[in-house]
Amino acid sequence: MKKFFNLSLSAFAVIFAIPSFLILVSWNALPGETLYGVKTGLEDIALAVTIRTPIASAFSLNFTERRFDEANRLLSKKGSTVGYTLLVAEARETQTIIVDQQDSQKAQELITKIEEYQARIEEKKLAIATQPTTILPPQEEVATTVLTPTPTTQVKTPLPSPTPAPTAEVVIEDLEETNQQLEEIKEEIKRQLPPGASEKAREEKEDHEKDNPRKD
């Protein structure tokens, strides 16, 4: 009996260790990288398990925050705005979950988060417009092989060739579109929730903070 118990305990340890390992190795994965699908797949599982509970809206808010962090890192690393497209998609999913649950407190949290994202995106737009090299990565160079004929043989000479990268103007346009879409989500939340729900949530949060002051 004891041996069976030990085997069962070991089996459970392995089963729970696998997801933990996957979370750790995929934590910093960015869109386009191999482990990114593992990362988002684990998020989908977490939502599926908790979808009918208040935890789902908290999870989804957290995943939206992850998308924003990924978008910023992807822009700095590769000059890509794909991450901001994923941010908008995640924010819309969070909106759906929160509205379905009529969670006014989480709704206000999402609105506040969106306003923070919009402000920081505006800062990036200004920085890119004035000093693009402080935000966007330098243009990469890829070696191409050119055949140079000679009387007896062909010599392969590697020549640097710049890869196409989004211009600062294109990036700014994409960021502007992201902010517009986030603004639409914010306004939709205000329309979809009962009148005054967002304001009520703000008051409840302020009352809670007064009753439970933070201990530094």
N, C-alpha and C. Protein backbone atom coordinates (compact mmCIF):
# COMPACT_ATOMS: atom_id res chain seq x y z
N MET A 1 0.84 -1.21 0.00
CA MET A 1 0.00 0.00 0.00
C MET A 1 0.87 1.26 0.00
N LYS A 2 1.91 1.22 0.84
CA LYS A 2 2.81 2.37 0.91
C LYS A 2 3.53 2.58 -0.41
N LYS A 3 3.91 1.46 -1.06
CA LYS A 3 4.59 1.55 -2.35
C LYS A 3 3.67 2.15 -3.40
N PHE A 4 2.40 1.74 -3.37
CA PHE A 4 1.41 2.28 -4.31
C PHE A 4 1.22 3.78 -4.09
N PHE A 5 1.18 4.16 -2.81
CA PHE A 5 1.02 5.58 -2.47
C PHE A 5 2.20 6.40 -2.97
N ASN A 6 3.40 5.86 -2.79
CA ASN A 6 4.60 6.56 -3.24
C ASN A 6 4.63 6.70 -4.75
N LEU A 7 4.21 5.64 -5.45
CA LEU A 7 4.16 5.69 -6.91
C LEU A 7 3.13 6.72 -7.38
N SER A 8 1.99 6.75 -6.72
CA SER A 8 0.94 7.71 -7.08
C SER A 8 1.41 9.13 -6.84
N LEU A 9 2.10 9.33 -5.72
CA LEU A 9 2.61 10.66 -5.39
C LEU A 9 3.65 11.11 -6.42
N SER A 10 4.49 10.18 -6.84
CA SER A 10 5.49 10.49 -7.85
C SER A 10 4.85 10.83 -9.18
N ALA A 11 3.79 10.10 -9.52
CA ALA A 11 3.08 10.35 -10.77
C ALA A 11 2.44 11.73 -10.77
N PHE A 12 1.81 12.09 -9.66
CA PHE A 12 1.21 13.42 -9.55
C PHE A 12 2.27 14.50 -9.63
N ALA A 13 3.42 14.26 -9.01
CA ALA A 13 4.51 15.24 -9.04
C ALA A 13 4.97 15.49 -10.46
N VAL A 14 5.09 14.40 -11.23
CA VAL A 14 5.51 14.53 -12.63
C VAL A 14 4.47 15.27 -13.44
N ILE A 15 3.19 14.91 -13.23
CA ILE A 15 2.10 15.54 -13.98
C ILE A 15 2.05 17.04 -13.75
N PHE A 16 2.23 17.45 -12.49
CA PHE A 16 2.17 18.87 -12.18
C PHE A 16 3.48 19.59 -12.50
N ALA A 17 4.57 18.84 -12.57
CA ALA A 17 5.85 19.45 -12.89
C ALA A 17 5.94 19.85 -14.36
N ILE A 18 5.28 19.07 -15.23
CA ILE A 18 5.34 19.35 -16.67
C ILE A 18 4.78 20.73 -17.01
N PRO A 19 3.53 21.06 -16.56
CA PRO A 19 3.03 22.42 -16.83
C PRO A 19 3.91 23.51 -16.24
N SER A 20 4.43 23.27 -15.04
CA SER A 20 5.30 24.27 -14.40
C SER A 20 6.54 24.50 -15.23
N PHE A 21 7.12 23.42 -15.75
CA PHE A 21 8.32 23.53 -16.58
C PHE A 21 8.01 24.29 -17.87
N LEU A 22 6.86 23.98 -18.49
CA LEU A 22 6.48 24.66 -19.73
C LEU A 22 6.25 26.15 -19.50
N ILE A 23 5.66 26.48 -18.36
CA ILE A 23 5.43 27.89 -18.04
C ILE A 23 6.76 28.63 -17.92
N LEU A 24 7.70 28.01 -17.25
CA LEU A 24 9.00 28.66 -17.04
C LEU A 24 9.75 28.86 -18.35
N VAL A 25 9.81 27.81 -19.19
CA VAL A 25 10.62 27.91 -20.41
C VAL A 25 9.97 28.81 -21.46
N SER A 26 8.64 28.99 -21.38
CA SER A 26 7.97 29.80 -22.40
C SER A 26 7.63 31.20 -21.91
N TRP A 27 8.00 31.51 -20.67
CA TRP A 27 7.55 32.76 -20.04
C TRP A 27 7.92 34.00 -20.86
N ASN A 28 9.15 34.05 -21.37
CA ASN A 28 9.62 35.23 -22.09
C ASN A 28 9.50 35.11 -23.60
N ALA A 29 8.79 34.09 -24.08
CA ALA A 29 8.64 33.89 -25.53
C ALA A 29 7.84 35.04 -26.15
N LEU A 30 8.26 35.44 -27.34
CA LEU A 30 7.60 36.52 -28.08
C LEU A 30 6.88 35.96 -29.30
N PRO A 31 5.90 36.69 -29.84
CA PRO A 31 5.21 36.24 -31.05
C PRO A 31 6.20 35.91 -32.16
N GLY A 32 5.99 34.76 -32.80
CA GLY A 32 6.88 34.32 -33.86
C GLY A 32 7.92 33.32 -33.39
N GLU A 33 8.11 33.21 -32.07
CA GLU A 33 9.07 32.26 -31.53
C GLU A 33 8.40 30.92 -31.25
N THR A 34 9.19 29.86 -31.25
CA THR A 34 8.66 28.50 -31.15
C THR A 34 7.82 28.29 -29.91
N LEU A 35 8.27 28.77 -28.77
CA LEU A 35 7.58 28.51 -27.51
C LEU A 35 6.38 29.43 -27.25
N TYR A 36 6.15 30.37 -28.16
CA TYR A 36 5.04 31.31 -27.92
C TYR A 36 3.69 30.59 -27.95
N GLY A 37 3.58 29.60 -28.82
CA GLY A 37 2.34 28.82 -28.88
C GLY A 37 2.09 28.04 -27.60
N VAL A 38 3.17 27.58 -26.97
CA VAL A 38 3.04 26.89 -25.68
C VAL A 38 2.51 27.86 -24.62
N LYS A 39 3.07 29.05 -24.63
CA LYS A 39 2.68 30.08 -23.66
C LYS A 39 1.20 30.42 -23.77
N THR A 40 0.74 30.72 -24.98
CA THR A 40 -0.66 31.09 -25.16
C THR A 40 -1.59 29.89 -24.98
N GLY A 41 -1.08 28.70 -25.30
CA GLY A 41 -1.88 27.49 -25.11
C GLY A 41 -2.17 27.25 -23.63
N LEU A 42 -1.18 27.46 -22.78
CA LEU A 42 -1.38 27.33 -21.34
C LEU A 42 -2.35 28.38 -20.82
N GLU A 43 -2.30 29.58 -21.40
CA GLU A 43 -3.26 30.62 -21.02
C GLU A 43 -4.68 30.20 -21.39
N ASP A 44 -4.85 29.62 -22.56
CA ASP A 44 -6.18 29.17 -23.00
C ASP A 44 -6.73 28.10 -22.06
N ILE A 45 -5.85 27.21 -21.61
CA ILE A 45 -6.27 26.17 -20.67
C ILE A 45 -6.75 26.79 -19.36
N ALA A 46 -5.98 27.77 -18.87
CA ALA A 46 -6.35 28.43 -17.61
C ALA A 46 -7.71 29.11 -17.73
N LEU A 47 -7.98 29.74 -18.87
CA LEU A 47 -9.27 30.39 -19.08
C LEU A 47 -10.40 29.37 -19.20
N ALA A 48 -10.13 28.28 -19.90
CA ALA A 48 -11.15 27.25 -20.10
C ALA A 48 -11.58 26.64 -18.77
N VAL A 49 -10.62 26.46 -17.86
CA VAL A 49 -10.91 25.84 -16.57
C VAL A 49 -11.69 26.79 -15.67
N THR A 50 -11.44 28.10 -15.80
CA THR A 50 -12.03 29.08 -14.86
C THR A 50 -13.11 29.96 -15.50
N ILE A 51 -13.50 29.67 -16.72
CA ILE A 51 -14.32 30.60 -17.50
C ILE A 51 -15.62 30.99 -16.81
N ARG A 52 -16.19 30.13 -15.99
CA ARG A 52 -17.46 30.44 -15.32
C ARG A 52 -17.25 30.98 -13.91
N THR A 53 -16.05 31.40 -13.62
CA THR A 53 -15.76 31.93 -12.29
C THR A 53 -15.16 33.33 -12.42
N PRO A 54 -15.19 34.12 -11.34
CA PRO A 54 -14.59 35.46 -11.38
C PRO A 54 -13.09 35.44 -11.66
N ILE A 55 -12.46 34.29 -11.44
CA ILE A 55 -11.02 34.20 -11.67
C ILE A 55 -10.68 34.43 -13.14
N ALA A 56 -11.62 34.07 -14.03
CA ALA A 56 -11.37 34.20 -15.47
C ALA A 56 -11.07 35.64 -15.86
N SER A 57 -11.82 36.59 -15.32
CA SER A 57 -11.59 37.99 -15.66
C SER A 57 -10.24 38.47 -15.13
N ALA A 58 -9.84 37.97 -13.96
CA ALA A 58 -8.53 38.33 -13.41
C ALA A 58 -7.41 37.75 -14.26
N PHE A 59 -7.57 36.49 -14.68
CA PHE A 59 -6.59 35.87 -15.57
C PHE A 59 -6.48 36.65 -16.87
N SER A 60 -7.63 36.97 -17.45
CA SER A 60 -7.63 37.64 -18.75
C SER A 60 -7.01 39.02 -18.68
N LEU A 61 -7.24 39.73 -17.59
CA LEU A 61 -6.58 41.03 -17.39
C LEU A 61 -5.07 40.86 -17.35
N ASN A 62 -4.63 39.81 -16.66
CA ASN A 62 -3.20 39.53 -16.56
C ASN A 62 -2.61 39.21 -17.93
N PHE A 63 -3.36 38.45 -18.74
CA PHE A 63 -2.88 38.09 -20.07
C PHE A 63 -2.81 39.32 -20.97
N THR A 64 -3.74 40.26 -20.78
CA THR A 64 -3.70 41.51 -21.54
C THR A 64 -2.44 42.30 -21.21
N GLU A 65 -2.09 42.30 -19.93
CA GLU A 65 -0.86 42.98 -19.50
C GLU A 65 0.37 42.32 -20.13
N ARG A 66 0.34 40.99 -20.24
CA ARG A 66 1.44 40.27 -20.89
C ARG A 66 1.56 40.69 -22.36
N ARG A 67 0.42 40.80 -23.05
CA ARG A 67 0.47 41.17 -24.47
C ARG A 67 1.09 42.55 -24.65
N PHE A 68 0.80 43.46 -23.71
CA PHE A 68 1.37 44.80 -23.83
C PHE A 68 2.88 44.75 -23.63
N ASP A 69 3.31 43.99 -22.66
CA ASP A 69 4.75 43.84 -22.42
C ASP A 69 5.44 43.21 -23.63
N GLU A 70 4.81 42.17 -24.20
CA GLU A 70 5.37 41.51 -25.38
C GLU A 70 5.45 42.47 -26.56
N ALA A 71 4.40 43.28 -26.74
CA ALA A 71 4.37 44.22 -27.85
C ALA A 71 5.52 45.21 -27.76
N ASN A 72 5.78 45.72 -26.58
CA ASN A 72 6.88 46.66 -26.39
C ASN A 72 8.23 46.02 -26.67
N ARG A 73 8.42 44.79 -26.17
CA ARG A 73 9.70 44.11 -26.36
C ARG A 73 9.91 43.73 -27.83
N LEU A 74 8.82 43.32 -28.50
CA LEU A 74 8.93 42.94 -29.91
C LEU A 74 9.25 44.15 -30.78
N LEU A 75 8.69 45.29 -30.43
CA LEU A 75 8.97 46.51 -31.17
C LEU A 75 10.43 46.90 -31.02
N SER A 76 10.94 46.82 -29.80
CA SER A 76 12.34 47.18 -29.54
C SER A 76 13.32 46.19 -30.15
N LYS A 77 12.92 44.91 -30.16
CA LYS A 77 13.82 43.86 -30.61
C LYS A 77 13.84 43.71 -32.13
N LYS A 78 12.64 43.78 -32.74
CA LYS A 78 12.55 43.50 -34.17
C LYS A 78 11.88 44.61 -34.98
N GLY A 79 11.44 45.66 -34.31
CA GLY A 79 10.76 46.74 -35.03
C GLY A 79 9.40 46.33 -35.54
N SER A 80 8.82 45.28 -34.97
CA SER A 80 7.53 44.76 -35.41
C SER A 80 6.40 45.27 -34.52
N THR A 81 5.25 45.57 -35.12
CA THR A 81 4.08 46.01 -34.37
C THR A 81 3.03 44.90 -34.25
N VAL A 82 3.41 43.68 -34.61
CA VAL A 82 2.49 42.55 -34.52
C VAL A 82 1.98 42.38 -33.10
N GLY A 83 2.84 42.63 -32.12
CA GLY A 83 2.45 42.48 -30.73
C GLY A 83 1.28 43.38 -30.35
N TYR A 84 1.18 44.54 -30.95
CA TYR A 84 0.08 45.45 -30.63
C TYR A 84 -1.24 44.95 -31.21
N THR A 85 -1.16 44.26 -32.34
CA THR A 85 -2.36 43.62 -32.90
C THR A 85 -2.88 42.55 -31.94
N LEU A 86 -1.94 41.78 -31.37
CA LEU A 86 -2.32 40.74 -30.40
C LEU A 86 -2.83 41.36 -29.11
N LEU A 87 -2.29 42.52 -28.74
CA LEU A 87 -2.77 43.24 -27.56
C LEU A 87 -4.24 43.60 -27.72
N VAL A 88 -4.61 44.15 -28.87
CA VAL A 88 -6.00 44.53 -29.11
C VAL A 88 -6.90 43.31 -29.06
N ALA A 89 -6.46 42.21 -29.67
CA ALA A 89 -7.26 40.97 -29.66
C ALA A 89 -7.47 40.47 -28.23
N GLU A 90 -6.41 40.52 -27.42
CA GLU A 90 -6.52 40.06 -26.03
C GLU A 90 -7.42 40.98 -25.22
N ALA A 91 -7.32 42.29 -25.46
CA ALA A 91 -8.16 43.25 -24.74
C ALA A 91 -9.63 43.02 -25.08
N ARG A 92 -9.92 42.66 -26.33
CA ARG A 92 -11.30 42.38 -26.73
C ARG A 92 -11.83 41.12 -26.04
N GLU A 93 -10.97 40.11 -25.93
CA GLU A 93 -11.38 38.89 -25.24
C GLU A 93 -11.65 39.17 -23.77
N THR A 94 -10.78 39.98 -23.16
CA THR A 94 -10.98 40.37 -21.76
C THR A 94 -12.27 41.15 -21.60
N GLN A 95 -12.55 42.03 -22.53
CA GLN A 95 -13.79 42.80 -22.53
C GLN A 95 -14.99 41.86 -22.54
N THR A 96 -14.96 40.86 -23.40
CA THR A 96 -16.08 39.91 -23.51
C THR A 96 -16.31 39.17 -22.20
N ILE A 97 -15.24 38.70 -21.59
CA ILE A 97 -15.35 37.95 -20.34
C ILE A 97 -15.91 38.84 -19.23
N ILE A 98 -15.38 40.05 -19.12
CA ILE A 98 -15.81 40.96 -18.06
C ILE A 98 -17.26 41.37 -18.23
N VAL A 99 -17.67 41.67 -19.45
CA VAL A 99 -19.05 42.09 -19.70
C VAL A 99 -20.01 40.92 -19.45
N ASP A 100 -19.63 39.72 -19.88
CA ASP A 100 -20.47 38.54 -19.65
C ASP A 100 -20.69 38.31 -18.16
N GLN A 101 -19.67 38.58 -17.35
CA GLN A 101 -19.77 38.37 -15.91
C GLN A 101 -20.30 39.61 -15.18
N GLN A 102 -20.51 40.70 -15.95
CA GLN A 102 -20.97 41.97 -15.36
C GLN A 102 -20.08 42.37 -14.18
N ASP A 103 -18.79 42.20 -14.37
CA ASP A 103 -17.82 42.50 -13.32
C ASP A 103 -17.39 43.96 -13.44
N SER A 104 -18.08 44.83 -12.74
CA SER A 104 -17.83 46.26 -12.87
C SER A 104 -16.45 46.67 -12.36
N GLN A 105 -15.98 45.99 -11.32
CA GLN A 105 -14.66 46.34 -10.78
C GLN A 105 -13.56 46.02 -11.78
N LYS A 106 -13.62 44.83 -12.37
CA LYS A 106 -12.63 44.45 -13.37
C LYS A 106 -12.77 45.31 -14.63
N ALA A 107 -14.00 45.74 -14.92
CA ALA A 107 -14.21 46.62 -16.07
C ALA A 107 -13.45 47.92 -15.90
N GLN A 108 -13.53 48.48 -14.70
CA GLN A 108 -12.81 49.72 -14.43
C GLN A 108 -11.31 49.51 -14.48
N GLU A 109 -10.87 48.34 -13.99
CA GLU A 109 -9.44 48.02 -14.06
C GLU A 109 -8.97 47.95 -15.50
N LEU A 110 -9.78 47.33 -16.36
CA LEU A 110 -9.40 47.23 -17.78
C LEU A 110 -9.37 48.61 -18.43
N ILE A 111 -10.35 49.45 -18.13
CA ILE A 111 -10.37 50.80 -18.67
C ILE A 111 -9.13 51.57 -18.23
N THR A 112 -8.78 51.44 -16.96
CA THR A 112 -7.58 52.11 -16.44
C THR A 112 -6.33 51.60 -17.14
N LYS A 113 -6.25 50.27 -17.33
CA LYS A 113 -5.12 49.69 -18.03
C LYS A 113 -5.03 50.22 -19.46
N ILE A 114 -6.15 50.26 -20.15
CA ILE A 114 -6.16 50.74 -21.53
C ILE A 114 -5.67 52.18 -21.60
N GLU A 115 -6.10 53.00 -20.66
CA GLU A 115 -5.64 54.39 -20.64
C GLU A 115 -4.13 54.47 -20.41
N GLU A 116 -3.60 53.58 -19.58
CA GLU A 116 -2.14 53.53 -19.38
C GLU A 116 -1.44 53.12 -20.68
N TYR A 117 -1.99 52.10 -21.35
CA TYR A 117 -1.39 51.65 -22.61
C TYR A 117 -1.40 52.78 -23.64
N GLN A 118 -2.54 53.48 -23.74
CA GLN A 118 -2.65 54.56 -24.71
C GLN A 118 -1.63 55.66 -24.44
N ALA A 119 -1.45 56.01 -23.17
CA ALA A 119 -0.49 57.06 -22.82
C ALA A 119 0.93 56.64 -23.18
N ARG A 120 1.27 55.39 -22.90
CA ARG A 120 2.63 54.93 -23.20
C ARG A 120 2.85 54.76 -24.70
N ILE A 121 1.81 54.39 -25.42
CA ILE A 121 1.92 54.29 -26.87
C ILE A 121 2.12 55.68 -27.48
N GLU A 122 1.43 56.66 -26.94
CA GLU A 122 1.63 58.04 -27.41
C GLU A 122 3.07 58.48 -27.17
N GLU A 123 3.63 58.09 -26.03
CA GLU A 123 5.02 58.43 -25.74
C GLU A 123 5.96 57.78 -26.76
N LYS A 124 5.66 56.53 -27.12
CA LYS A 124 6.49 55.85 -28.11
C LYS A 124 6.37 56.51 -29.47
N LYS A 125 5.17 56.91 -29.85
CA LYS A 125 4.98 57.59 -31.13
C LYS A 125 5.83 58.86 -31.19
N LEU A 126 5.81 59.63 -30.12
CA LEU A 126 6.57 60.87 -30.08
C LEU A 126 8.07 60.58 -30.16
N ALA A 127 8.52 59.56 -29.42
CA ALA A 127 9.94 59.21 -29.42
C ALA A 127 10.38 58.73 -30.80
N ILE A 128 9.55 57.93 -31.46
CA ILE A 128 9.90 57.43 -32.78
C ILE A 128 9.93 58.56 -33.80
N ALA A 129 9.01 59.49 -33.66
CA ALA A 129 8.96 60.63 -34.59
C ALA A 129 10.18 61.52 -34.46
N THR A 130 10.71 61.66 -33.25
CA THR A 130 11.83 62.57 -33.02
C THR A 130 13.19 61.86 -33.04
N GLN A 131 13.24 60.69 -32.41
CA GLN A 131 14.49 59.92 -32.35
C GLN A 131 14.19 58.43 -32.54
N PRO A 132 13.94 58.01 -33.76
CA PRO A 132 13.53 56.62 -34.02
C PRO A 132 14.53 55.58 -33.54
N THR A 133 15.82 55.90 -33.54
CA THR A 133 16.82 54.91 -33.14
C THR A 133 16.77 54.58 -31.65
N THR A 134 16.10 55.41 -30.86
CA THR A 134 15.99 55.12 -29.42
C THR A 134 14.93 54.06 -29.15
N ILE A 135 14.04 53.82 -30.11
CA ILE A 135 12.95 52.85 -29.94
C ILE A 135 13.12 51.66 -30.88
N LEU A 136 13.37 51.95 -32.16
CA LEU A 136 13.43 50.89 -33.16
C LEU A 136 14.83 50.32 -33.25
N PRO A 137 14.95 49.02 -33.52
CA PRO A 137 16.27 48.40 -33.63
C PRO A 137 16.95 48.82 -34.92
N PRO A 138 18.28 48.74 -34.99
CA PRO A 138 18.97 49.08 -36.24
C PRO A 138 18.60 48.07 -37.32
N GLN A 139 18.66 48.52 -38.56
CA GLN A 139 18.33 47.64 -39.67
C GLN A 139 19.34 46.52 -39.76
N GLU A 140 18.83 45.29 -39.84
CA GLU A 140 19.72 44.13 -39.90
C GLU A 140 20.30 43.95 -41.29
N GLU A 141 21.43 43.31 -41.33
CA GLU A 141 22.07 43.00 -42.60
C GLU A 141 22.22 41.50 -42.73
N VAL A 142 21.95 41.00 -43.91
CA VAL A 142 22.06 39.58 -44.18
C VAL A 142 23.06 39.37 -45.30
N ALA A 143 23.97 38.43 -45.10
CA ALA A 143 24.98 38.17 -46.12
C ALA A 143 24.36 37.39 -47.28
N THR A 144 24.55 37.88 -48.49
CA THR A 144 24.08 37.16 -49.68
C THR A 144 25.31 36.69 -50.46
N THR A 145 25.12 35.63 -51.18
CA THR A 145 26.23 35.04 -51.93
C THR A 145 26.12 35.42 -53.40
N VAL A 146 27.19 36.00 -53.92
CA VAL A 146 27.24 36.40 -55.33
C VAL A 146 28.36 35.63 -56.01
N LEU A 147 28.07 35.04 -57.15
CA LEU A 147 29.07 34.28 -57.89
C LEU A 147 29.88 35.21 -58.78
N THR A 148 31.21 35.21 -58.59
CA THR A 148 32.10 36.02 -59.41
C THR A 148 32.90 35.10 -60.32
N PRO A 149 32.59 35.08 -61.62
CA PRO A 149 33.27 34.14 -62.52
C PRO A 149 34.74 34.51 -62.72
N THR A 150 35.60 33.49 -62.78
CA THR A 150 37.02 33.65 -63.11
C THR A 150 37.34 32.63 -64.19
N PRO A 151 38.51 32.72 -64.80
CA PRO A 151 38.84 31.78 -65.88
C PRO A 151 38.77 30.32 -65.47
N THR A 152 39.07 29.99 -64.22
CA THR A 152 39.13 28.58 -63.85
C THR A 152 38.09 28.17 -62.82
N THR A 153 37.57 29.13 -62.05
CA THR A 153 36.64 28.77 -60.98
C THR A 153 35.71 29.93 -60.69
N GLN A 154 34.76 29.71 -59.79
CA GLN A 154 33.83 30.74 -59.35
C GLN A 154 34.05 30.99 -57.87
N VAL A 155 34.25 32.25 -57.51
CA VAL A 155 34.50 32.62 -56.12
C VAL A 155 33.22 33.17 -55.51
N LYS A 156 32.82 32.60 -54.37
CA LYS A 156 31.63 33.08 -53.68
C LYS A 156 32.00 34.24 -52.75
N THR A 157 31.43 35.39 -53.01
CA THR A 157 31.74 36.59 -52.23
C THR A 157 30.52 37.02 -51.43
N PRO A 158 30.57 36.97 -50.10
CA PRO A 158 29.42 37.42 -49.30
C PRO A 158 29.33 38.95 -49.31
N LEU A 159 28.16 39.44 -49.65
CA LEU A 159 27.93 40.88 -49.66
C LEU A 159 26.77 41.21 -48.73
N PRO A 160 26.92 42.25 -47.91
CA PRO A 160 25.82 42.63 -47.01
C PRO A 160 24.67 43.22 -47.80
N SER A 161 23.48 42.81 -47.46
CA SER A 161 22.28 43.33 -48.12
C SER A 161 21.24 43.65 -47.04
N PRO A 162 20.79 44.90 -46.94
CA PRO A 162 19.83 45.25 -45.89
C PRO A 162 18.50 44.55 -46.09
N THR A 163 17.94 44.03 -44.99
CA THR A 163 16.62 43.41 -45.06
C THR A 163 15.56 44.50 -44.91
N PRO A 164 14.44 44.34 -45.57
CA PRO A 164 13.39 45.36 -45.46
C PRO A 164 12.86 45.42 -44.04
N ALA A 165 12.72 46.61 -43.51
CA ALA A 165 12.20 46.81 -42.16
C ALA A 165 11.15 47.90 -42.21
N PRO A 166 10.16 47.85 -41.32
CA PRO A 166 9.14 48.88 -41.33
C PRO A 166 9.74 50.26 -41.05
N THR A 167 9.30 51.23 -41.79
CA THR A 167 9.80 52.59 -41.56
C THR A 167 9.17 53.17 -40.31
N ALA A 168 9.77 54.23 -39.82
CA ALA A 168 9.23 54.89 -38.63
C ALA A 168 7.80 55.37 -38.88
N GLU A 169 7.53 55.82 -40.10
CA GLU A 169 6.19 56.31 -40.43
C GLU A 169 5.16 55.19 -40.34
N VAL A 170 5.54 54.01 -40.84
CA VAL A 170 4.62 52.86 -40.81
C VAL A 170 4.36 52.43 -39.37
N VAL A 171 5.40 52.40 -38.55
CA VAL A 171 5.25 52.02 -37.15
C VAL A 171 4.34 53.00 -36.43
N ILE A 172 4.52 54.28 -36.68
CA ILE A 172 3.68 55.31 -36.04
C ILE A 172 2.22 55.13 -36.45
N GLU A 173 1.98 54.83 -37.72
CA GLU A 173 0.61 54.60 -38.18
C GLU A 173 -0.02 53.40 -37.49
N ASP A 174 0.77 52.33 -37.33
CA ASP A 174 0.26 51.13 -36.65
C ASP A 174 -0.06 51.41 -35.19
N LEU A 175 0.80 52.20 -34.55
CA LEU A 175 0.56 52.54 -33.15
C LEU A 175 -0.68 53.42 -33.01
N GLU A 176 -0.87 54.32 -33.95
CA GLU A 176 -2.05 55.17 -33.94
C GLU A 176 -3.33 54.33 -34.09
N GLU A 177 -3.28 53.36 -34.99
CA GLU A 177 -4.43 52.47 -35.18
C GLU A 177 -4.70 51.65 -33.92
N THR A 178 -3.64 51.21 -33.25
CA THR A 178 -3.80 50.47 -32.00
C THR A 178 -4.52 51.31 -30.96
N ASN A 179 -4.11 52.57 -30.83
CA ASN A 179 -4.75 53.44 -29.84
C ASN A 179 -6.22 53.69 -30.17
N GLN A 180 -6.53 53.80 -31.44
CA GLN A 180 -7.93 53.98 -31.85
C GLN A 180 -8.77 52.76 -31.50
N GLN A 181 -8.22 51.58 -31.75
CA GLN A 181 -8.94 50.34 -31.43
C GLN A 181 -9.12 50.17 -29.93
N LEU A 182 -8.09 50.53 -29.16
CA LEU A 182 -8.21 50.47 -27.70
C LEU A 182 -9.26 51.45 -27.20
N GLU A 183 -9.34 52.61 -27.83
CA GLU A 183 -10.36 53.59 -27.45
C GLU A 183 -11.76 53.04 -27.72
N GLU A 184 -11.92 52.33 -28.83
CA GLU A 184 -13.22 51.71 -29.15
C GLU A 184 -13.61 50.69 -28.09
N ILE A 185 -12.64 49.88 -27.67
CA ILE A 185 -12.91 48.88 -26.64
C ILE A 185 -13.35 49.56 -25.35
N LYS A 186 -12.65 50.59 -24.98
CA LYS A 186 -12.96 51.34 -23.76
C LYS A 186 -14.38 51.89 -23.79
N GLU A 187 -14.77 52.48 -24.92
CA GLU A 187 -16.12 53.05 -25.04
C GLU A 187 -17.17 51.96 -25.08
N GLU A 188 -16.87 50.82 -25.69
CA GLU A 188 -17.82 49.71 -25.74
C GLU A 188 -18.10 49.17 -24.34
N ILE A 189 -17.06 49.08 -23.52
CA ILE A 189 -17.24 48.61 -22.15
C ILE A 189 -18.20 49.53 -21.40
N LYS A 190 -18.02 50.81 -21.56
CA LYS A 190 -18.89 51.77 -20.87
C LYS A 190 -20.34 51.65 -21.33
N ARG A 191 -20.54 51.31 -22.62
CA ARG A 191 -21.90 51.16 -23.13
C ARG A 191 -22.53 49.83 -22.72
N GLN A 192 -21.72 48.79 -22.66
CA GLN A 192 -22.25 47.45 -22.43
C GLN A 192 -22.60 47.17 -20.98
N LEU A 193 -21.88 47.81 -20.05
CA LEU A 193 -22.18 47.62 -18.64
C LEU A 193 -23.34 48.52 -18.22
N PRO A 194 -24.04 48.17 -17.15
CA PRO A 194 -25.16 49.00 -16.69
C PRO A 194 -24.71 50.43 -16.41
N PRO A 195 -25.59 51.41 -16.59
CA PRO A 195 -25.23 52.81 -16.34
C PRO A 195 -24.64 53.00 -14.94
N GLY A 196 -23.53 53.69 -14.89
CA GLY A 196 -22.90 53.98 -13.61
C GLY A 196 -22.06 52.86 -13.04
N ALA A 197 -21.99 51.73 -13.76
CA ALA A 197 -21.25 50.58 -13.22
C ALA A 197 -19.77 50.91 -13.04
N SER A 198 -19.20 51.58 -14.03
CA SER A 198 -17.79 51.91 -13.95
C SER A 198 -17.50 52.88 -12.80
N GLU A 199 -18.38 53.88 -12.64
CA GLU A 199 -18.21 54.85 -11.56
C GLU A 199 -18.39 54.17 -10.21
N LYS A 200 -19.36 53.26 -10.16
CA LYS A 200 -19.59 52.52 -8.91
C LYS A 200 -18.36 51.70 -8.54
N ALA A 201 -17.77 51.07 -9.55
CA ALA A 201 -16.58 50.26 -9.31
C ALA A 201 -15.44 51.13 -8.78
N ARG A 202 -15.30 52.32 -9.34
CA ARG A 202 -14.25 53.23 -8.88
C ARG A 202 -14.46 53.60 -7.41
N GLU A 203 -15.74 53.90 -7.04
CA GLU A 203 -16.04 54.26 -5.66
C GLU A 203 -15.79 53.10 -4.72
N GLU A 204 -16.17 51.86 -5.18
CA GLU A 204 -15.95 50.68 -4.35
C GLU A 204 -14.46 50.46 -4.13
N LYS A 205 -13.67 50.68 -5.18
CA LYS A 205 -12.22 50.51 -5.06
C LYS A 205 -11.63 51.52 -4.10
N GLU A 206 -12.09 52.79 -4.18
CA GLU A 206 -11.59 53.82 -3.29
C GLU A 206 -11.97 53.53 -1.84
N ASP A 207 -13.22 53.06 -1.63
CA ASP A 207 -13.66 52.72 -0.27
C ASP A 207 -12.84 51.56 0.29
N HIS A 208 -12.57 50.59 -0.57
CA HIS A 208 -11.79 49.43 -0.13
C HIS A 208 -10.38 49.85 0.26
N GLU A 209 -9.79 50.76 -0.52
CA GLU A 209 -8.43 51.22 -0.22
C GLU A 209 -8.40 52.04 1.08
N LYS A 210 -9.50 52.77 1.36
CA LYS A 210 -9.56 53.54 2.59
C LYS A 210 -9.65 52.61 3.80
N ASP A 211 -10.47 51.56 3.65
CA ASP A 211 -10.67 50.62 4.74
C ASP A 211 -9.47 49.69 4.94
N ASN A 212 -8.73 49.50 3.85
CA ASN A 212 -7.58 48.60 3.91
C ASN A 212 -6.33 49.30 3.37
N PRO A 213 -5.81 50.25 4.13
CA PRO A 213 -4.62 50.99 3.67
C PRO A 213 -3.44 50.08 3.43
N ARG A 214 -2.65 50.39 2.41
CA ARG A 214 -1.47 49.59 2.10
C ARG A 214 -0.41 49.75 3.17
N LYS A 215 0.25 48.66 3.47
CA LYS A 215 1.34 48.69 4.46
C LYS A 215 2.66 48.60 3.72
N ASP A 216 3.41 49.67 3.72
CA ASP A 216 4.72 49.71 3.03
C ASP A 216 5.81 49.18 3.93
